[in-house]
Amino acid sequence: MIKINKGNAPTSWTRYRNTPGVVYQATDDLRNALLTEQGFICAYCMRTIPVKDLGNIETSRIDHIKCRADNPDLELEYENMVICCPGFIDGNEHCDKSKGTSSISLPLFNIALQNSITYSSKDGTIRSSNEIWNQEINSVIKLNSERLKNNRFQTLDGIRYALEKRKWKKAELQNKLLEFINPDILGKKRQYCGIVIWYLQKKLRNLD
């Protein structure tokens, strides 16, 4: 997981939420704003959020971090929303799909969460040093399903293969790290980038 740099709500959504008597209803402007600020990757598993078109029935899901059922006063708050992947792979639910009506305490907009995260370089398991956050990662949004672990591991394995082909200079490692931190020219971040960011930061620390 990586820190989400939360932006401002789109003007159309602010206008909508300030209209007396309205209830939550996803809009295209809301969805596009969330997609853009997250670099088109899921807030939880970091999978690329698929585009809905004629050949792809999957689409995105807007999640309320604090669930609407228990927090009706937050249902229109942009700061309570993130966008997620469909949350269903190989018959297993994860992310918003498994979260359902639960609320979580994961501070998605604070670097403290990202700094608490480590990964297994052997199988892609994600862990947090914070026990409460780690429990939510495993039991609520279920980021350690076998497919998600394997997807992260394969992503890491690809970058390790490239690094093992020759000795990289520190400046080259820093540039590669920036490629995974920053979105590309289309505003898209690389899926499962969190595990690569963690790995490259660790390698750079070992060079100091």
N, C-alpha and C. Protein backbone atom coordinates (compact mmCIF):
# COMPACT_ATOMS: atom_id res chain seq x y z
N MET A 1 0.84 -1.18 0.00
CA MET A 1 0.00 0.00 0.00
C MET A 1 0.88 1.24 0.00
N ILE A 2 0.39 2.29 -0.64
CA ILE A 2 1.13 3.54 -0.67
C ILE A 2 0.21 4.67 -0.23
N LYS A 3 0.83 5.74 0.23
CA LYS A 3 0.06 6.93 0.65
C LYS A 3 -0.69 7.51 -0.54
N ILE A 4 -1.96 7.83 -0.34
CA ILE A 4 -2.75 8.50 -1.36
C ILE A 4 -2.68 10.00 -1.08
N ASN A 5 -2.28 10.76 -2.07
CA ASN A 5 -2.24 12.21 -1.92
C ASN A 5 -3.63 12.77 -2.23
N LYS A 6 -4.40 12.95 -1.18
CA LYS A 6 -5.80 13.34 -1.33
C LYS A 6 -5.91 14.77 -1.83
N GLY A 7 -6.66 14.94 -2.91
CA GLY A 7 -6.87 16.27 -3.47
C GLY A 7 -8.21 16.85 -3.05
N ASN A 8 -8.60 17.91 -3.72
CA ASN A 8 -9.88 18.55 -3.43
C ASN A 8 -10.99 17.88 -4.23
N ALA A 9 -12.16 17.91 -3.68
CA ALA A 9 -13.32 17.35 -4.38
C ALA A 9 -13.60 18.15 -5.64
N PRO A 10 -14.07 17.49 -6.70
CA PRO A 10 -14.45 18.25 -7.90
C PRO A 10 -15.56 19.25 -7.58
N THR A 11 -15.54 20.36 -8.29
CA THR A 11 -16.52 21.43 -8.03
C THR A 11 -17.94 20.91 -8.13
N SER A 12 -18.20 20.05 -9.10
CA SER A 12 -19.56 19.54 -9.29
C SER A 12 -20.02 18.72 -8.08
N TRP A 13 -19.06 17.99 -7.46
CA TRP A 13 -19.43 17.19 -6.28
C TRP A 13 -19.68 18.08 -5.07
N THR A 14 -18.87 19.12 -4.91
CA THR A 14 -19.09 20.06 -3.82
C THR A 14 -20.46 20.72 -3.95
N ARG A 15 -20.80 21.08 -5.16
CA ARG A 15 -22.12 21.68 -5.41
C ARG A 15 -23.23 20.69 -5.10
N TYR A 16 -23.03 19.45 -5.48
CA TYR A 16 -24.05 18.42 -5.24
C TYR A 16 -24.23 18.16 -3.74
N ARG A 17 -23.11 17.97 -3.02
CA ARG A 17 -23.21 17.64 -1.59
C ARG A 17 -23.79 18.79 -0.78
N ASN A 18 -23.72 20.01 -1.30
CA ASN A 18 -24.28 21.16 -0.59
C ASN A 18 -25.73 21.42 -0.94
N THR A 19 -26.29 20.57 -1.79
CA THR A 19 -27.70 20.70 -2.14
C THR A 19 -28.55 20.05 -1.05
N PRO A 20 -29.47 20.78 -0.44
CA PRO A 20 -30.27 20.22 0.66
C PRO A 20 -31.02 18.95 0.26
N GLY A 21 -30.96 17.96 1.12
CA GLY A 21 -31.75 16.74 0.93
C GLY A 21 -31.16 15.68 0.04
N VAL A 22 -29.94 15.91 -0.53
CA VAL A 22 -29.39 14.91 -1.44
C VAL A 22 -28.82 13.74 -0.65
N VAL A 23 -28.77 12.58 -1.31
CA VAL A 23 -28.15 11.39 -0.73
C VAL A 23 -27.00 10.99 -1.64
N TYR A 24 -26.15 10.10 -1.13
CA TYR A 24 -24.98 9.69 -1.90
C TYR A 24 -25.39 9.01 -3.20
N GLN A 25 -24.75 9.43 -4.27
CA GLN A 25 -24.92 8.81 -5.57
C GLN A 25 -23.66 9.09 -6.37
N ALA A 26 -22.98 8.04 -6.81
CA ALA A 26 -21.73 8.21 -7.54
C ALA A 26 -21.98 8.94 -8.85
N THR A 27 -21.08 9.85 -9.18
CA THR A 27 -21.16 10.59 -10.44
C THR A 27 -19.88 10.36 -11.23
N ASP A 28 -19.92 10.64 -12.51
CA ASP A 28 -18.72 10.47 -13.34
C ASP A 28 -17.60 11.39 -12.88
N ASP A 29 -17.94 12.62 -12.52
CA ASP A 29 -16.92 13.56 -12.06
C ASP A 29 -16.25 13.07 -10.78
N LEU A 30 -17.04 12.52 -9.86
CA LEU A 30 -16.50 11.99 -8.61
C LEU A 30 -15.57 10.82 -8.89
N ARG A 31 -16.03 9.91 -9.72
CA ARG A 31 -15.23 8.73 -10.05
C ARG A 31 -13.91 9.13 -10.74
N ASN A 32 -14.00 10.06 -11.68
CA ASN A 32 -12.80 10.48 -12.41
C ASN A 32 -11.80 11.19 -11.50
N ALA A 33 -12.29 11.97 -10.55
CA ALA A 33 -11.39 12.66 -9.62
C ALA A 33 -10.63 11.66 -8.76
N LEU A 34 -11.34 10.65 -8.28
CA LEU A 34 -10.70 9.62 -7.45
C LEU A 34 -9.70 8.81 -8.27
N LEU A 35 -10.06 8.44 -9.48
CA LEU A 35 -9.15 7.70 -10.34
C LEU A 35 -7.86 8.50 -10.59
N THR A 36 -8.02 9.78 -10.87
CA THR A 36 -6.87 10.62 -11.20
C THR A 36 -5.93 10.76 -10.01
N GLU A 37 -6.47 11.04 -8.82
CA GLU A 37 -5.57 11.26 -7.68
C GLU A 37 -4.89 9.97 -7.23
N GLN A 38 -5.46 8.82 -7.54
CA GLN A 38 -4.84 7.54 -7.17
C GLN A 38 -4.00 6.95 -8.30
N GLY A 39 -3.89 7.64 -9.41
CA GLY A 39 -3.10 7.12 -10.52
C GLY A 39 -3.69 5.88 -11.14
N PHE A 40 -5.03 5.74 -11.04
CA PHE A 40 -5.77 4.64 -11.65
C PHE A 40 -5.43 3.27 -11.07
N ILE A 41 -4.96 3.25 -9.81
CA ILE A 41 -4.76 1.97 -9.13
C ILE A 41 -5.65 1.91 -7.89
N CYS A 42 -5.97 0.70 -7.48
CA CYS A 42 -6.85 0.47 -6.34
C CYS A 42 -6.22 1.02 -5.06
N ALA A 43 -7.03 1.66 -4.25
CA ALA A 43 -6.55 2.24 -2.99
C ALA A 43 -5.98 1.18 -2.06
N TYR A 44 -6.44 -0.05 -2.19
CA TYR A 44 -6.04 -1.11 -1.26
C TYR A 44 -5.01 -2.06 -1.85
N CYS A 45 -5.35 -2.79 -2.89
CA CYS A 45 -4.43 -3.81 -3.42
C CYS A 45 -3.45 -3.27 -4.46
N MET A 46 -3.70 -2.06 -4.98
CA MET A 46 -2.85 -1.40 -5.99
C MET A 46 -2.92 -2.06 -7.36
N ARG A 47 -3.93 -2.88 -7.56
CA ARG A 47 -4.18 -3.40 -8.91
C ARG A 47 -4.64 -2.26 -9.80
N THR A 48 -4.27 -2.28 -11.09
CA THR A 48 -4.79 -1.31 -12.03
C THR A 48 -6.32 -1.45 -12.11
N ILE A 49 -7.01 -0.34 -11.95
CA ILE A 49 -8.47 -0.37 -12.00
C ILE A 49 -8.90 -0.52 -13.46
N PRO A 50 -9.61 -1.58 -13.80
CA PRO A 50 -9.98 -1.82 -15.20
C PRO A 50 -10.99 -0.80 -15.71
N VAL A 51 -10.90 -0.53 -16.98
CA VAL A 51 -11.83 0.40 -17.63
C VAL A 51 -13.03 -0.37 -18.13
N LYS A 52 -14.21 0.16 -17.88
CA LYS A 52 -15.42 -0.50 -18.35
C LYS A 52 -15.63 -0.14 -19.81
N ASP A 53 -15.67 -1.15 -20.65
CA ASP A 53 -15.94 -0.93 -22.06
C ASP A 53 -16.70 -2.14 -22.59
N LEU A 54 -16.88 -2.22 -23.90
CA LEU A 54 -17.69 -3.29 -24.48
C LEU A 54 -17.09 -4.66 -24.24
N GLY A 55 -15.75 -4.73 -24.07
CA GLY A 55 -15.12 -6.02 -23.89
C GLY A 55 -14.75 -6.33 -22.46
N ASN A 56 -15.14 -5.47 -21.52
CA ASN A 56 -14.73 -5.65 -20.13
C ASN A 56 -15.86 -5.22 -19.21
N ILE A 57 -16.49 -6.19 -18.54
CA ILE A 57 -17.63 -5.86 -17.69
C ILE A 57 -17.19 -5.39 -16.31
N GLU A 58 -15.90 -5.55 -15.99
CA GLU A 58 -15.41 -5.09 -14.71
C GLU A 58 -15.39 -3.57 -14.68
N THR A 59 -15.58 -3.01 -13.50
CA THR A 59 -15.49 -1.57 -13.36
C THR A 59 -14.98 -1.25 -11.97
N SER A 60 -14.92 0.03 -11.65
CA SER A 60 -14.40 0.47 -10.36
C SER A 60 -15.51 0.51 -9.32
N ARG A 61 -15.08 0.56 -8.05
CA ARG A 61 -16.00 0.67 -6.92
C ARG A 61 -15.54 1.81 -6.02
N ILE A 62 -16.44 2.72 -5.70
CA ILE A 62 -16.11 3.80 -4.77
C ILE A 62 -16.40 3.30 -3.35
N ASP A 63 -15.37 3.36 -2.52
CA ASP A 63 -15.52 2.87 -1.15
C ASP A 63 -15.53 4.03 -0.16
N HIS A 64 -16.39 3.92 0.84
CA HIS A 64 -16.38 4.84 1.96
C HIS A 64 -15.55 4.20 3.07
N ILE A 65 -14.44 4.83 3.43
CA ILE A 65 -13.53 4.27 4.42
C ILE A 65 -14.27 4.00 5.72
N LYS A 66 -15.01 5.00 6.17
CA LYS A 66 -15.95 4.83 7.28
C LYS A 66 -17.30 4.56 6.63
N CYS A 67 -17.86 3.38 6.86
CA CYS A 67 -19.02 2.93 6.09
C CYS A 67 -20.21 3.87 6.28
N ARG A 68 -21.01 3.98 5.21
CA ARG A 68 -22.16 4.88 5.21
C ARG A 68 -23.21 4.46 6.22
N ALA A 69 -23.37 3.16 6.42
CA ALA A 69 -24.42 2.67 7.32
C ALA A 69 -24.23 3.18 8.74
N ASP A 70 -22.99 3.20 9.19
CA ASP A 70 -22.71 3.62 10.57
C ASP A 70 -22.31 5.09 10.67
N ASN A 71 -22.01 5.70 9.52
CA ASN A 71 -21.54 7.10 9.53
C ASN A 71 -22.27 7.90 8.45
N PRO A 72 -23.58 8.06 8.58
CA PRO A 72 -24.35 8.77 7.55
C PRO A 72 -23.89 10.21 7.36
N ASP A 73 -23.30 10.80 8.39
CA ASP A 73 -22.82 12.18 8.27
C ASP A 73 -21.59 12.29 7.37
N LEU A 74 -20.96 11.15 7.04
CA LEU A 74 -19.76 11.15 6.20
C LEU A 74 -20.02 10.64 4.79
N GLU A 75 -21.26 10.31 4.46
CA GLU A 75 -21.50 9.66 3.17
C GLU A 75 -21.24 10.57 1.97
N LEU A 76 -21.25 11.88 2.17
CA LEU A 76 -21.00 12.80 1.06
C LEU A 76 -19.62 13.44 1.15
N GLU A 77 -18.83 13.05 2.17
CA GLU A 77 -17.52 13.66 2.37
C GLU A 77 -16.49 13.05 1.43
N TYR A 78 -15.91 13.87 0.59
CA TYR A 78 -14.90 13.40 -0.36
C TYR A 78 -13.71 12.78 0.35
N GLU A 79 -13.37 13.31 1.52
CA GLU A 79 -12.23 12.81 2.28
C GLU A 79 -12.48 11.41 2.85
N ASN A 80 -13.70 10.92 2.73
CA ASN A 80 -14.03 9.59 3.22
C ASN A 80 -14.12 8.58 2.08
N MET A 81 -13.72 8.98 0.88
CA MET A 81 -13.90 8.13 -0.29
C MET A 81 -12.57 7.79 -0.96
N VAL A 82 -12.47 6.56 -1.43
CA VAL A 82 -11.38 6.12 -2.29
C VAL A 82 -12.00 5.26 -3.39
N ILE A 83 -11.22 5.01 -4.42
CA ILE A 83 -11.73 4.17 -5.50
C ILE A 83 -10.94 2.85 -5.54
N CYS A 84 -11.65 1.79 -5.82
CA CYS A 84 -11.08 0.44 -5.72
C CYS A 84 -11.34 -0.37 -6.98
N CYS A 85 -10.61 -1.46 -7.10
CA CYS A 85 -10.83 -2.43 -8.17
C CYS A 85 -12.12 -3.19 -7.89
N PRO A 86 -12.57 -4.05 -8.81
CA PRO A 86 -13.81 -4.81 -8.56
C PRO A 86 -13.76 -5.71 -7.34
N GLY A 87 -12.56 -6.08 -6.88
CA GLY A 87 -12.43 -6.82 -5.63
C GLY A 87 -12.83 -8.28 -5.69
N PHE A 88 -12.61 -8.89 -6.84
CA PHE A 88 -13.01 -10.29 -6.97
C PHE A 88 -12.09 -10.98 -7.96
N ILE A 89 -11.25 -11.89 -7.47
CA ILE A 89 -10.34 -12.65 -8.32
C ILE A 89 -10.37 -14.12 -7.89
N ASP A 90 -10.47 -15.01 -8.85
CA ASP A 90 -10.41 -16.46 -8.57
C ASP A 90 -11.43 -16.89 -7.52
N GLY A 91 -12.59 -16.25 -7.53
CA GLY A 91 -13.63 -16.63 -6.58
C GLY A 91 -13.44 -16.08 -5.18
N ASN A 92 -12.42 -15.26 -4.97
CA ASN A 92 -12.14 -14.70 -3.65
C ASN A 92 -12.38 -13.20 -3.63
N GLU A 93 -13.09 -12.73 -2.61
CA GLU A 93 -13.35 -11.30 -2.46
C GLU A 93 -12.22 -10.63 -1.69
N HIS A 94 -11.92 -9.38 -2.07
CA HIS A 94 -10.91 -8.59 -1.38
C HIS A 94 -11.24 -7.12 -1.56
N CYS A 95 -10.44 -6.27 -0.96
CA CYS A 95 -10.61 -4.82 -1.04
C CYS A 95 -12.01 -4.40 -0.61
N ASP A 96 -12.64 -3.49 -1.34
CA ASP A 96 -13.96 -3.00 -0.97
C ASP A 96 -15.00 -4.11 -0.94
N LYS A 97 -14.83 -5.10 -1.81
CA LYS A 97 -15.82 -6.19 -1.90
C LYS A 97 -15.87 -6.99 -0.60
N SER A 98 -14.73 -7.32 -0.03
CA SER A 98 -14.71 -8.06 1.23
C SER A 98 -14.97 -7.14 2.42
N LYS A 99 -14.59 -5.88 2.29
CA LYS A 99 -14.82 -4.91 3.37
C LYS A 99 -16.30 -4.72 3.64
N GLY A 100 -17.10 -4.68 2.58
CA GLY A 100 -18.54 -4.56 2.75
C GLY A 100 -18.93 -3.32 3.54
N THR A 101 -19.68 -3.52 4.61
CA THR A 101 -20.14 -2.39 5.43
C THR A 101 -19.25 -2.14 6.64
N SER A 102 -18.06 -2.71 6.62
CA SER A 102 -17.12 -2.48 7.72
C SER A 102 -16.45 -1.11 7.56
N SER A 103 -16.01 -0.55 8.67
CA SER A 103 -15.16 0.64 8.65
C SER A 103 -13.75 0.20 9.01
N ILE A 104 -12.78 0.93 8.50
CA ILE A 104 -11.39 0.60 8.80
C ILE A 104 -10.67 1.84 9.33
N SER A 105 -9.57 1.60 10.03
CA SER A 105 -8.79 2.70 10.60
C SER A 105 -7.53 2.98 9.80
N LEU A 106 -7.28 2.25 8.72
CA LEU A 106 -6.08 2.45 7.91
C LEU A 106 -5.98 3.91 7.46
N PRO A 107 -4.92 4.63 7.83
CA PRO A 107 -4.78 6.04 7.45
C PRO A 107 -4.22 6.18 6.03
N LEU A 108 -5.06 6.01 5.06
CA LEU A 108 -4.63 5.93 3.66
C LEU A 108 -3.97 7.20 3.15
N PHE A 109 -4.23 8.33 3.81
CA PHE A 109 -3.69 9.60 3.34
C PHE A 109 -2.50 10.06 4.20
N ASN A 110 -1.97 9.16 4.99
CA ASN A 110 -0.87 9.50 5.90
C ASN A 110 0.31 8.56 5.60
N ILE A 111 1.51 9.13 5.50
CA ILE A 111 2.70 8.34 5.18
C ILE A 111 2.99 7.30 6.25
N ALA A 112 2.39 7.47 7.45
CA ALA A 112 2.63 6.51 8.53
C ALA A 112 2.22 5.10 8.13
N LEU A 113 1.15 4.98 7.36
CA LEU A 113 0.71 3.65 6.93
C LEU A 113 1.75 3.03 6.01
N GLN A 114 2.17 3.75 4.99
CA GLN A 114 3.16 3.22 4.06
C GLN A 114 4.46 2.86 4.79
N ASN A 115 4.85 3.69 5.75
CA ASN A 115 6.08 3.42 6.48
C ASN A 115 5.98 2.20 7.38
N SER A 116 4.76 1.80 7.72
CA SER A 116 4.56 0.62 8.57
C SER A 116 4.55 -0.68 7.78
N ILE A 117 4.52 -0.57 6.46
CA ILE A 117 4.32 -1.74 5.59
C ILE A 117 5.65 -2.37 5.20
N THR A 118 5.69 -3.69 5.27
CA THR A 118 6.79 -4.47 4.71
C THR A 118 6.20 -5.60 3.89
N TYR A 119 7.03 -6.20 3.05
CA TYR A 119 6.58 -7.30 2.20
C TYR A 119 7.55 -8.47 2.33
N SER A 120 7.06 -9.65 2.06
CA SER A 120 7.94 -10.80 1.96
C SER A 120 8.47 -10.87 0.54
N SER A 121 9.79 -10.90 0.40
CA SER A 121 10.38 -11.04 -0.93
C SER A 121 10.33 -12.47 -1.42
N LYS A 122 9.82 -13.39 -0.58
CA LYS A 122 9.70 -14.79 -0.97
C LYS A 122 8.35 -15.14 -1.56
N ASP A 123 7.27 -14.45 -1.07
CA ASP A 123 5.95 -14.82 -1.61
C ASP A 123 5.00 -13.63 -1.76
N GLY A 124 5.47 -12.40 -1.50
CA GLY A 124 4.64 -11.23 -1.72
C GLY A 124 3.67 -10.88 -0.61
N THR A 125 3.78 -11.54 0.54
CA THR A 125 2.90 -11.23 1.67
C THR A 125 3.11 -9.79 2.13
N ILE A 126 2.03 -9.09 2.41
CA ILE A 126 2.09 -7.72 2.91
C ILE A 126 1.79 -7.72 4.41
N ARG A 127 2.53 -6.91 5.16
CA ARG A 127 2.35 -6.83 6.61
C ARG A 127 2.49 -5.39 7.05
N SER A 128 1.81 -5.05 8.16
CA SER A 128 2.00 -3.77 8.82
C SER A 128 2.53 -4.03 10.22
N SER A 129 3.42 -3.16 10.68
CA SER A 129 3.94 -3.29 12.03
C SER A 129 2.91 -2.86 13.08
N ASN A 130 1.85 -2.19 12.63
CA ASN A 130 0.76 -1.81 13.53
C ASN A 130 -0.22 -2.98 13.58
N GLU A 131 -0.45 -3.53 14.74
CA GLU A 131 -1.27 -4.75 14.86
C GLU A 131 -2.70 -4.55 14.37
N ILE A 132 -3.30 -3.40 14.67
CA ILE A 132 -4.68 -3.14 14.23
C ILE A 132 -4.74 -3.03 12.72
N TRP A 133 -3.82 -2.29 12.13
CA TRP A 133 -3.80 -2.15 10.67
C TRP A 133 -3.52 -3.50 10.01
N ASN A 134 -2.63 -4.28 10.59
CA ASN A 134 -2.30 -5.58 10.02
C ASN A 134 -3.52 -6.50 10.03
N GLN A 135 -4.30 -6.43 11.11
CA GLN A 135 -5.52 -7.24 11.19
C GLN A 135 -6.51 -6.83 10.11
N GLU A 136 -6.63 -5.54 9.87
CA GLU A 136 -7.55 -5.06 8.83
C GLU A 136 -7.08 -5.47 7.44
N ILE A 137 -5.77 -5.42 7.23
CA ILE A 137 -5.21 -5.84 5.94
C ILE A 137 -5.52 -7.31 5.66
N ASN A 138 -5.42 -8.14 6.68
CA ASN A 138 -5.62 -9.57 6.51
C ASN A 138 -7.08 -10.00 6.55
N SER A 139 -7.85 -9.43 7.47
CA SER A 139 -9.19 -9.95 7.71
C SER A 139 -10.32 -9.13 7.10
N VAL A 140 -10.07 -7.85 6.84
CA VAL A 140 -11.14 -7.00 6.32
C VAL A 140 -11.00 -6.78 4.82
N ILE A 141 -9.85 -6.28 4.39
CA ILE A 141 -9.67 -6.08 2.94
C ILE A 141 -8.91 -7.22 2.28
N LYS A 142 -8.44 -8.15 3.06
CA LYS A 142 -7.92 -9.45 2.60
C LYS A 142 -6.89 -9.33 1.47
N LEU A 143 -5.83 -8.60 1.76
CA LEU A 143 -4.80 -8.38 0.74
C LEU A 143 -3.80 -9.52 0.61
N ASN A 144 -3.94 -10.55 1.42
CA ASN A 144 -3.00 -11.67 1.33
C ASN A 144 -3.64 -12.93 0.76
N SER A 145 -4.61 -12.74 -0.14
CA SER A 145 -5.11 -13.89 -0.89
C SER A 145 -3.97 -14.41 -1.77
N GLU A 146 -4.03 -15.67 -2.15
CA GLU A 146 -2.93 -16.27 -2.91
C GLU A 146 -2.68 -15.54 -4.22
N ARG A 147 -3.74 -15.12 -4.92
CA ARG A 147 -3.54 -14.45 -6.19
C ARG A 147 -2.89 -13.08 -6.01
N LEU A 148 -3.35 -12.33 -5.02
CA LEU A 148 -2.75 -11.01 -4.80
C LEU A 148 -1.29 -11.13 -4.37
N LYS A 149 -1.00 -12.09 -3.49
CA LYS A 149 0.39 -12.30 -3.09
C LYS A 149 1.24 -12.66 -4.31
N ASN A 150 0.74 -13.54 -5.14
CA ASN A 150 1.49 -13.96 -6.32
C ASN A 150 1.69 -12.80 -7.30
N ASN A 151 0.65 -11.98 -7.47
CA ASN A 151 0.78 -10.83 -8.37
C ASN A 151 1.86 -9.86 -7.88
N ARG A 152 1.88 -9.62 -6.57
CA ARG A 152 2.91 -8.74 -6.02
C ARG A 152 4.29 -9.37 -6.18
N PHE A 153 4.38 -10.66 -5.91
CA PHE A 153 5.67 -11.34 -6.03
C PHE A 153 6.18 -11.30 -7.47
N GLN A 154 5.30 -11.52 -8.44
CA GLN A 154 5.71 -11.48 -9.84
C GLN A 154 6.19 -10.09 -10.24
N THR A 155 5.53 -9.06 -9.72
CA THR A 155 5.95 -7.69 -9.99
C THR A 155 7.33 -7.44 -9.42
N LEU A 156 7.56 -7.88 -8.20
CA LEU A 156 8.88 -7.73 -7.57
C LEU A 156 9.92 -8.54 -8.31
N ASP A 157 9.58 -9.73 -8.71
CA ASP A 157 10.53 -10.61 -9.39
C ASP A 157 11.01 -9.98 -10.69
N GLY A 158 10.12 -9.27 -11.36
CA GLY A 158 10.50 -8.61 -12.61
C GLY A 158 11.57 -7.56 -12.40
N ILE A 159 11.42 -6.76 -11.36
CA ILE A 159 12.42 -5.71 -11.11
C ILE A 159 13.71 -6.32 -10.58
N ARG A 160 13.61 -7.39 -9.78
CA ARG A 160 14.83 -8.04 -9.28
C ARG A 160 15.62 -8.65 -10.44
N TYR A 161 14.93 -9.21 -11.39
CA TYR A 161 15.60 -9.81 -12.56
C TYR A 161 16.39 -8.74 -13.31
N ALA A 162 15.77 -7.56 -13.47
CA ALA A 162 16.45 -6.47 -14.18
C ALA A 162 17.67 -6.00 -13.41
N LEU A 163 17.57 -5.94 -12.10
CA LEU A 163 18.68 -5.46 -11.27
C LEU A 163 19.83 -6.46 -11.22
N GLU A 164 19.51 -7.74 -11.32
CA GLU A 164 20.54 -8.76 -11.21
C GLU A 164 21.36 -8.93 -12.49
N LYS A 165 20.88 -8.36 -13.59
CA LYS A 165 21.58 -8.50 -14.86
C LYS A 165 22.89 -7.71 -14.88
N ARG A 166 22.95 -6.67 -14.06
CA ARG A 166 24.18 -5.88 -13.96
C ARG A 166 24.15 -5.10 -12.66
N LYS A 167 25.26 -4.51 -12.29
CA LYS A 167 25.32 -3.71 -11.08
C LYS A 167 24.82 -2.30 -11.36
N TRP A 168 23.76 -1.91 -10.64
CA TRP A 168 23.17 -0.59 -10.85
C TRP A 168 23.84 0.43 -9.93
N LYS A 169 24.08 1.62 -10.47
CA LYS A 169 24.58 2.71 -9.66
C LYS A 169 23.46 3.28 -8.80
N LYS A 170 23.85 3.97 -7.74
CA LYS A 170 22.85 4.53 -6.82
C LYS A 170 21.89 5.47 -7.54
N ALA A 171 22.41 6.30 -8.41
CA ALA A 171 21.57 7.25 -9.15
C ALA A 171 20.56 6.52 -10.03
N GLU A 172 20.97 5.39 -10.59
CA GLU A 172 20.06 4.61 -11.42
C GLU A 172 18.93 4.01 -10.59
N LEU A 173 19.28 3.53 -9.39
CA LEU A 173 18.26 2.99 -8.49
C LEU A 173 17.27 4.08 -8.07
N GLN A 174 17.79 5.27 -7.82
CA GLN A 174 16.92 6.38 -7.44
C GLN A 174 15.98 6.75 -8.57
N ASN A 175 16.47 6.74 -9.80
CA ASN A 175 15.62 7.04 -10.95
C ASN A 175 14.55 5.97 -11.15
N LYS A 176 14.95 4.73 -10.95
CA LYS A 176 13.98 3.63 -11.08
C LYS A 176 12.91 3.75 -10.00
N LEU A 177 13.32 4.11 -8.80
CA LEU A 177 12.36 4.32 -7.71
C LEU A 177 11.35 5.40 -8.08
N LEU A 178 11.83 6.48 -8.66
CA LEU A 178 10.93 7.57 -9.04
C LEU A 178 9.92 7.12 -10.11
N GLU A 179 10.33 6.19 -10.96
CA GLU A 179 9.42 5.67 -11.97
C GLU A 179 8.22 4.96 -11.33
N PHE A 180 8.44 4.34 -10.17
CA PHE A 180 7.36 3.63 -9.51
C PHE A 180 6.59 4.52 -8.53
N ILE A 181 7.22 5.60 -8.09
CA ILE A 181 6.52 6.53 -7.20
C ILE A 181 5.59 7.44 -7.99
N ASN A 182 6.07 7.93 -9.12
CA ASN A 182 5.34 8.94 -9.88
C ASN A 182 4.50 8.31 -11.00
N PRO A 183 3.38 8.93 -11.33
CA PRO A 183 2.59 8.45 -12.46
C PRO A 183 3.30 8.73 -13.78
N ASP A 184 2.89 8.02 -14.83
CA ASP A 184 3.47 8.25 -16.15
C ASP A 184 2.81 9.48 -16.80
N ILE A 185 3.10 9.71 -18.06
CA ILE A 185 2.60 10.92 -18.73
C ILE A 185 1.08 10.90 -18.88
N LEU A 186 0.47 9.73 -18.72
CA LEU A 186 -0.99 9.62 -18.78
C LEU A 186 -1.61 9.70 -17.38
N GLY A 187 -0.77 9.92 -16.38
CA GLY A 187 -1.27 10.03 -15.02
C GLY A 187 -1.50 8.70 -14.34
N LYS A 188 -0.96 7.63 -14.91
CA LYS A 188 -1.18 6.29 -14.37
C LYS A 188 0.03 5.78 -13.60
N LYS A 189 -0.21 5.19 -12.44
CA LYS A 189 0.84 4.56 -11.67
C LYS A 189 0.91 3.07 -12.01
N ARG A 190 2.05 2.47 -11.78
CA ARG A 190 2.22 1.04 -12.09
C ARG A 190 1.52 0.20 -11.03
N GLN A 191 0.81 -0.82 -11.50
CA GLN A 191 0.09 -1.64 -10.54
C GLN A 191 1.06 -2.40 -9.63
N TYR A 192 0.61 -2.60 -8.40
CA TYR A 192 1.39 -3.27 -7.36
C TYR A 192 2.73 -2.56 -7.12
N CYS A 193 2.74 -1.24 -7.33
CA CYS A 193 4.00 -0.49 -7.22
C CYS A 193 4.53 -0.46 -5.78
N GLY A 194 3.66 -0.66 -4.80
CA GLY A 194 4.08 -0.56 -3.41
C GLY A 194 5.23 -1.49 -3.06
N ILE A 195 5.17 -2.72 -3.54
CA ILE A 195 6.20 -3.69 -3.19
C ILE A 195 7.54 -3.32 -3.82
N VAL A 196 7.51 -2.73 -5.01
CA VAL A 196 8.75 -2.32 -5.67
C VAL A 196 9.33 -1.09 -4.98
N ILE A 197 8.48 -0.14 -4.60
CA ILE A 197 8.94 1.04 -3.87
C ILE A 197 9.63 0.61 -2.57
N TRP A 198 8.98 -0.30 -1.84
CA TRP A 198 9.56 -0.81 -0.59
C TRP A 198 10.92 -1.47 -0.85
N TYR A 199 11.00 -2.28 -1.88
CA TYR A 199 12.23 -3.02 -2.19
C TYR A 199 13.36 -2.08 -2.59
N LEU A 200 13.08 -1.11 -3.46
CA LEU A 200 14.11 -0.20 -3.92
C LEU A 200 14.57 0.73 -2.79
N GLN A 201 13.65 1.17 -1.95
CA GLN A 201 14.04 2.00 -0.81
C GLN A 201 14.95 1.23 0.13
N LYS A 202 14.66 -0.05 0.32
CA LYS A 202 15.51 -0.88 1.17
C LYS A 202 16.91 -1.03 0.58
N LYS A 203 16.97 -1.24 -0.74
CA LYS A 203 18.29 -1.38 -1.38
C LYS A 203 19.09 -0.08 -1.27
N LEU A 204 18.40 1.04 -1.42
CA LEU A 204 19.11 2.32 -1.33
C LEU A 204 19.61 2.59 0.08
N ARG A 205 18.82 2.20 1.09
CA ARG A 205 19.28 2.37 2.47
C ARG A 205 20.52 1.53 2.73
N ASN A 206 20.59 0.35 2.12
CA ASN A 206 21.74 -0.52 2.32
C ASN A 206 23.02 0.02 1.67
N LEU A 207 22.83 0.96 0.73
CA LEU A 207 23.99 1.56 0.07
C LEU A 207 24.55 2.73 0.86
N ASP A 208 23.77 3.27 1.80
CA ASP A 208 24.22 4.45 2.57
C ASP A 208 25.26 4.05 3.62
